[in-house]
Amino acid sequence: MRLSYEEVEYVATLSRLGLGDDEITRMRDQLSSILEHIEAIDELDTEAIPPTAQVVALTNVMRQDVARDSLNRDAVLGNAPRQSDGFFEVHAILGGGSDGGTGC
């Protein structure tokens, strides 16, 4: 299917694309080529082929959700660069004044 210059210009207008004359001519050739490929695919007999949404079988790869003990506080804080009273100590991101870093 060969598109006309006017058809490509109309589609460009609908798409709000400001194309020049040379761009419209180039797009006409490219879009016409794409439509020719689609026409070739359209000629194939696909009656015996079921519709598919995923061509590769997918399997769930998540591990079992099993409750187990967590690390103790000392083990977790052992790698912390700074800690205070059993908590991670970090730099204030907002504010940093007497309002507790909330910036309010």
N, C-alpha and C. Protein backbone atom coordinates (compact mmCIF):
# COMPACT_ATOMS: atom_id res chain seq x y z
N MET A 1 0.86 -1.18 0.00
CA MET A 1 0.00 0.00 0.00
C MET A 1 0.89 1.23 0.00
N ARG A 2 0.71 2.05 -0.97
CA ARG A 2 1.52 3.26 -1.10
C ARG A 2 0.72 4.44 -0.56
N LEU A 3 1.27 5.12 0.44
CA LEU A 3 0.61 6.29 1.01
C LEU A 3 0.85 7.50 0.13
N SER A 4 -0.11 8.39 0.11
CA SER A 4 0.06 9.63 -0.64
C SER A 4 0.73 10.68 0.26
N TYR A 5 1.24 11.70 -0.38
CA TYR A 5 1.86 12.81 0.34
C TYR A 5 0.84 13.44 1.29
N GLU A 6 -0.40 13.60 0.81
CA GLU A 6 -1.46 14.23 1.60
C GLU A 6 -1.83 13.39 2.82
N GLU A 7 -1.83 12.07 2.68
CA GLU A 7 -2.16 11.20 3.81
C GLU A 7 -1.11 11.33 4.92
N VAL A 8 0.15 11.35 4.54
CA VAL A 8 1.22 11.50 5.54
C VAL A 8 1.14 12.88 6.18
N GLU A 9 0.87 13.88 5.37
CA GLU A 9 0.73 15.25 5.90
C GLU A 9 -0.43 15.33 6.89
N TYR A 10 -1.54 14.65 6.58
CA TYR A 10 -2.71 14.63 7.46
C TYR A 10 -2.39 13.94 8.79
N VAL A 11 -1.71 12.78 8.72
CA VAL A 11 -1.34 12.06 9.94
C VAL A 11 -0.35 12.90 10.77
N ALA A 12 0.57 13.57 10.12
CA ALA A 12 1.51 14.44 10.83
C ALA A 12 0.77 15.57 11.54
N THR A 13 -0.25 16.12 10.88
CA THR A 13 -1.06 17.18 11.50
C THR A 13 -1.81 16.65 12.72
N LEU A 14 -2.41 15.46 12.58
CA LEU A 14 -3.12 14.86 13.71
C LEU A 14 -2.17 14.60 14.88
N SER A 15 -0.92 14.23 14.56
CA SER A 15 0.08 13.93 15.59
C SER A 15 0.78 15.18 16.09
N ARG A 16 0.39 16.31 15.54
CA ARG A 16 1.00 17.59 15.91
C ARG A 16 2.50 17.61 15.65
N LEU A 17 2.89 17.02 14.51
CA LEU A 17 4.28 17.02 14.09
C LEU A 17 4.47 18.05 13.00
N GLY A 18 5.41 18.93 13.19
CA GLY A 18 5.72 19.93 12.18
C GLY A 18 6.78 19.39 11.24
N LEU A 19 6.37 18.71 10.19
CA LEU A 19 7.31 18.11 9.25
C LEU A 19 7.45 18.98 8.02
N GLY A 20 8.68 19.07 7.52
CA GLY A 20 8.93 19.77 6.28
C GLY A 20 8.63 18.88 5.09
N ASP A 21 8.72 19.46 3.88
CA ASP A 21 8.41 18.69 2.67
C ASP A 21 9.30 17.47 2.52
N ASP A 22 10.61 17.63 2.76
CA ASP A 22 11.52 16.50 2.61
C ASP A 22 11.26 15.42 3.66
N GLU A 23 10.85 15.84 4.87
CA GLU A 23 10.54 14.87 5.93
C GLU A 23 9.26 14.11 5.60
N ILE A 24 8.29 14.79 5.05
CA ILE A 24 7.03 14.11 4.67
C ILE A 24 7.30 13.09 3.57
N THR A 25 8.14 13.45 2.62
CA THR A 25 8.48 12.52 1.54
C THR A 25 9.21 11.30 2.10
N ARG A 26 10.16 11.53 3.00
CA ARG A 26 10.89 10.41 3.62
C ARG A 26 9.96 9.54 4.45
N MET A 27 9.09 10.17 5.24
CA MET A 27 8.14 9.42 6.06
C MET A 27 7.16 8.63 5.18
N ARG A 28 6.77 9.19 4.04
CA ARG A 28 5.87 8.48 3.13
C ARG A 28 6.51 7.18 2.66
N ASP A 29 7.79 7.26 2.30
CA ASP A 29 8.49 6.05 1.86
C ASP A 29 8.61 5.03 2.99
N GLN A 30 8.98 5.50 4.18
CA GLN A 30 9.17 4.59 5.32
C GLN A 30 7.85 3.97 5.76
N LEU A 31 6.81 4.78 5.89
CA LEU A 31 5.52 4.25 6.32
C LEU A 31 4.92 3.32 5.28
N SER A 32 5.11 3.63 4.02
CA SER A 32 4.61 2.75 2.95
C SER A 32 5.31 1.41 3.01
N SER A 33 6.60 1.41 3.29
CA SER A 33 7.36 0.16 3.42
C SER A 33 6.84 -0.68 4.58
N ILE A 34 6.55 -0.03 5.69
CA ILE A 34 6.01 -0.73 6.86
C ILE A 34 4.66 -1.36 6.52
N LEU A 35 3.80 -0.60 5.86
CA LEU A 35 2.48 -1.11 5.50
C LEU A 35 2.57 -2.26 4.51
N GLU A 36 3.56 -2.25 3.63
CA GLU A 36 3.76 -3.36 2.70
C GLU A 36 4.15 -4.63 3.46
N HIS A 37 4.96 -4.49 4.49
CA HIS A 37 5.33 -5.65 5.31
C HIS A 37 4.11 -6.20 6.04
N ILE A 38 3.28 -5.32 6.54
CA ILE A 38 2.06 -5.75 7.24
C ILE A 38 1.12 -6.46 6.27
N GLU A 39 1.03 -5.98 5.04
CA GLU A 39 0.19 -6.64 4.05
C GLU A 39 0.70 -8.05 3.77
N ALA A 40 2.02 -8.24 3.74
CA ALA A 40 2.60 -9.57 3.52
C ALA A 40 2.24 -10.51 4.67
N ILE A 41 2.27 -10.00 5.88
CA ILE A 41 1.91 -10.81 7.04
C ILE A 41 0.41 -11.13 7.00
N ASP A 42 -0.37 -10.19 6.54
CA ASP A 42 -1.83 -10.37 6.44
C ASP A 42 -2.21 -11.52 5.52
N GLU A 43 -1.35 -11.86 4.56
CA GLU A 43 -1.64 -12.92 3.61
C GLU A 43 -1.45 -14.32 4.20
N LEU A 44 -0.81 -14.41 5.36
CA LEU A 44 -0.57 -15.71 5.99
C LEU A 44 -1.86 -16.28 6.57
N ASP A 45 -2.01 -17.61 6.49
CA ASP A 45 -3.16 -18.29 7.07
C ASP A 45 -2.86 -18.56 8.55
N THR A 46 -3.53 -17.86 9.43
CA THR A 46 -3.30 -17.99 10.87
C THR A 46 -4.49 -18.59 11.60
N GLU A 47 -5.39 -19.24 10.87
CA GLU A 47 -6.59 -19.82 11.49
C GLU A 47 -6.26 -20.87 12.54
N ALA A 48 -5.22 -21.68 12.30
CA ALA A 48 -4.89 -22.77 13.23
C ALA A 48 -4.00 -22.32 14.38
N ILE A 49 -3.61 -21.07 14.38
CA ILE A 49 -2.71 -20.57 15.44
C ILE A 49 -3.54 -19.86 16.49
N PRO A 50 -3.46 -20.34 17.74
CA PRO A 50 -4.25 -19.68 18.80
C PRO A 50 -3.64 -18.31 19.15
N PRO A 51 -4.48 -17.38 19.55
CA PRO A 51 -3.97 -16.07 19.96
C PRO A 51 -3.08 -16.22 21.19
N THR A 52 -2.01 -15.46 21.23
CA THR A 52 -1.10 -15.53 22.36
C THR A 52 -0.81 -14.14 22.88
N ALA A 53 -0.63 -14.06 24.18
CA ALA A 53 -0.21 -12.80 24.79
C ALA A 53 1.25 -12.91 25.21
N GLN A 54 1.71 -14.12 25.47
CA GLN A 54 3.09 -14.36 25.89
C GLN A 54 3.57 -15.61 25.18
N VAL A 55 4.64 -15.50 24.39
CA VAL A 55 5.10 -16.64 23.61
C VAL A 55 6.04 -17.55 24.38
N VAL A 56 6.62 -17.05 25.46
CA VAL A 56 7.52 -17.86 26.28
C VAL A 56 6.79 -18.17 27.59
N ALA A 57 6.79 -19.43 27.98
CA ALA A 57 6.11 -19.80 29.23
C ALA A 57 6.80 -19.14 30.43
N LEU A 58 5.99 -18.57 31.28
CA LEU A 58 6.52 -17.91 32.48
C LEU A 58 6.26 -18.78 33.70
N THR A 59 7.22 -18.80 34.60
CA THR A 59 7.02 -19.51 35.86
C THR A 59 7.36 -18.58 37.01
N ASN A 60 6.72 -18.81 38.12
CA ASN A 60 6.95 -18.01 39.31
C ASN A 60 8.27 -18.45 39.95
N VAL A 61 9.19 -17.52 40.13
CA VAL A 61 10.51 -17.88 40.64
C VAL A 61 10.76 -17.35 42.06
N MET A 62 9.68 -16.99 42.75
CA MET A 62 9.86 -16.48 44.11
C MET A 62 10.06 -17.63 45.09
N ARG A 63 10.80 -17.35 46.14
CA ARG A 63 11.05 -18.37 47.16
C ARG A 63 9.82 -18.51 48.06
N GLN A 64 9.80 -19.57 48.81
CA GLN A 64 8.71 -19.78 49.76
C GLN A 64 8.75 -18.71 50.84
N ASP A 65 7.59 -18.27 51.27
CA ASP A 65 7.48 -17.27 52.31
C ASP A 65 7.48 -17.98 53.66
N VAL A 66 8.65 -18.11 54.25
CA VAL A 66 8.81 -18.83 55.51
C VAL A 66 9.29 -17.86 56.58
N ALA A 67 8.59 -17.86 57.71
CA ALA A 67 9.00 -17.00 58.82
C ALA A 67 10.29 -17.53 59.42
N ARG A 68 11.21 -16.62 59.71
CA ARG A 68 12.47 -17.01 60.36
C ARG A 68 12.96 -15.85 61.21
N ASP A 69 13.89 -16.14 62.08
CA ASP A 69 14.41 -15.11 62.98
C ASP A 69 15.19 -14.06 62.19
N SER A 70 15.04 -12.82 62.62
CA SER A 70 15.80 -11.74 62.00
C SER A 70 17.15 -11.58 62.71
N LEU A 71 18.01 -10.75 62.15
CA LEU A 71 19.30 -10.49 62.78
C LEU A 71 19.09 -9.71 64.08
N ASN A 72 19.97 -9.92 65.02
CA ASN A 72 19.84 -9.13 66.25
C ASN A 72 20.39 -7.72 66.01
N ARG A 73 20.03 -6.81 66.87
CA ARG A 73 20.37 -5.40 66.70
C ARG A 73 21.87 -5.18 66.63
N ASP A 74 22.65 -5.87 67.45
CA ASP A 74 24.10 -5.67 67.45
C ASP A 74 24.73 -6.10 66.12
N ALA A 75 24.23 -7.18 65.53
CA ALA A 75 24.76 -7.64 64.25
C ALA A 75 24.45 -6.63 63.14
N VAL A 76 23.25 -6.05 63.18
CA VAL A 76 22.86 -5.08 62.16
C VAL A 76 23.66 -3.79 62.33
N LEU A 77 23.75 -3.30 63.53
CA LEU A 77 24.45 -2.04 63.76
C LEU A 77 25.97 -2.19 63.70
N GLY A 78 26.46 -3.43 63.67
CA GLY A 78 27.91 -3.66 63.61
C GLY A 78 28.53 -3.11 62.34
N ASN A 79 27.78 -3.01 61.27
CA ASN A 79 28.30 -2.48 60.00
C ASN A 79 27.95 -1.02 59.78
N ALA A 80 27.23 -0.41 60.70
CA ALA A 80 26.82 0.98 60.55
C ALA A 80 28.02 1.91 60.78
N PRO A 81 28.22 2.88 59.92
CA PRO A 81 29.32 3.81 60.14
C PRO A 81 29.11 4.67 61.39
N ARG A 82 27.83 4.96 61.70
CA ARG A 82 27.52 5.72 62.92
C ARG A 82 26.23 5.17 63.52
N GLN A 83 26.20 5.12 64.83
CA GLN A 83 25.00 4.67 65.53
C GLN A 83 24.86 5.46 66.83
N SER A 84 23.62 5.52 67.30
CA SER A 84 23.38 6.25 68.54
C SER A 84 22.20 5.61 69.24
N ASP A 85 22.41 5.15 70.46
CA ASP A 85 21.35 4.56 71.29
C ASP A 85 20.62 3.42 70.59
N GLY A 86 21.34 2.58 69.84
CA GLY A 86 20.74 1.43 69.20
C GLY A 86 20.05 1.73 67.87
N PHE A 87 20.30 2.90 67.30
CA PHE A 87 19.70 3.29 66.02
C PHE A 87 20.79 3.74 65.05
N PHE A 88 20.49 3.67 63.75
CA PHE A 88 21.39 4.25 62.75
C PHE A 88 21.38 5.76 62.91
N GLU A 89 22.54 6.36 62.80
CA GLU A 89 22.62 7.81 62.85
C GLU A 89 22.96 8.30 61.45
N VAL A 90 22.13 9.20 60.93
CA VAL A 90 22.32 9.71 59.57
C VAL A 90 22.31 11.23 59.60
N HIS A 91 22.84 11.84 58.54
CA HIS A 91 22.81 13.29 58.42
C HIS A 91 21.38 13.75 58.16
N ALA A 92 21.03 14.91 58.69
CA ALA A 92 19.71 15.49 58.42
C ALA A 92 19.62 15.85 56.95
N ILE A 93 18.50 15.54 56.33
CA ILE A 93 18.33 15.83 54.91
C ILE A 93 17.65 17.18 54.74
N LEU A 94 16.63 17.43 55.52
CA LEU A 94 15.90 18.69 55.42
C LEU A 94 16.14 19.51 56.67
N GLY A 95 16.39 20.77 56.50
CA GLY A 95 16.54 21.68 57.63
C GLY A 95 17.81 21.42 58.41
N GLY A 96 17.70 20.65 59.46
CA GLY A 96 18.86 20.34 60.28
C GLY A 96 18.90 21.21 61.53
N GLY A 97 17.87 22.04 61.71
CA GLY A 97 17.83 22.91 62.89
C GLY A 97 17.22 22.19 64.07
N SER A 98 16.69 22.97 64.99
CA SER A 98 16.13 22.43 66.24
C SER A 98 14.79 21.74 66.03
N ASP A 99 14.25 21.77 64.82
CA ASP A 99 12.95 21.16 64.57
C ASP A 99 13.07 19.68 64.25
N GLY A 100 14.25 19.09 64.46
CA GLY A 100 14.42 17.65 64.22
C GLY A 100 14.65 17.31 62.77
N GLY A 101 14.98 18.29 61.94
CA GLY A 101 15.30 18.02 60.55
C GLY A 101 14.11 18.02 59.63
N THR A 102 12.94 18.47 60.13
CA THR A 102 11.76 18.45 59.27
C THR A 102 11.67 19.68 58.38
N GLY A 103 12.40 20.71 58.72
CA GLY A 103 12.38 21.92 57.90
C GLY A 103 11.15 22.76 58.12
N CYS A 104 10.35 22.46 59.15
CA CYS A 104 9.12 23.22 59.42
C CYS A 104 9.39 24.38 60.32
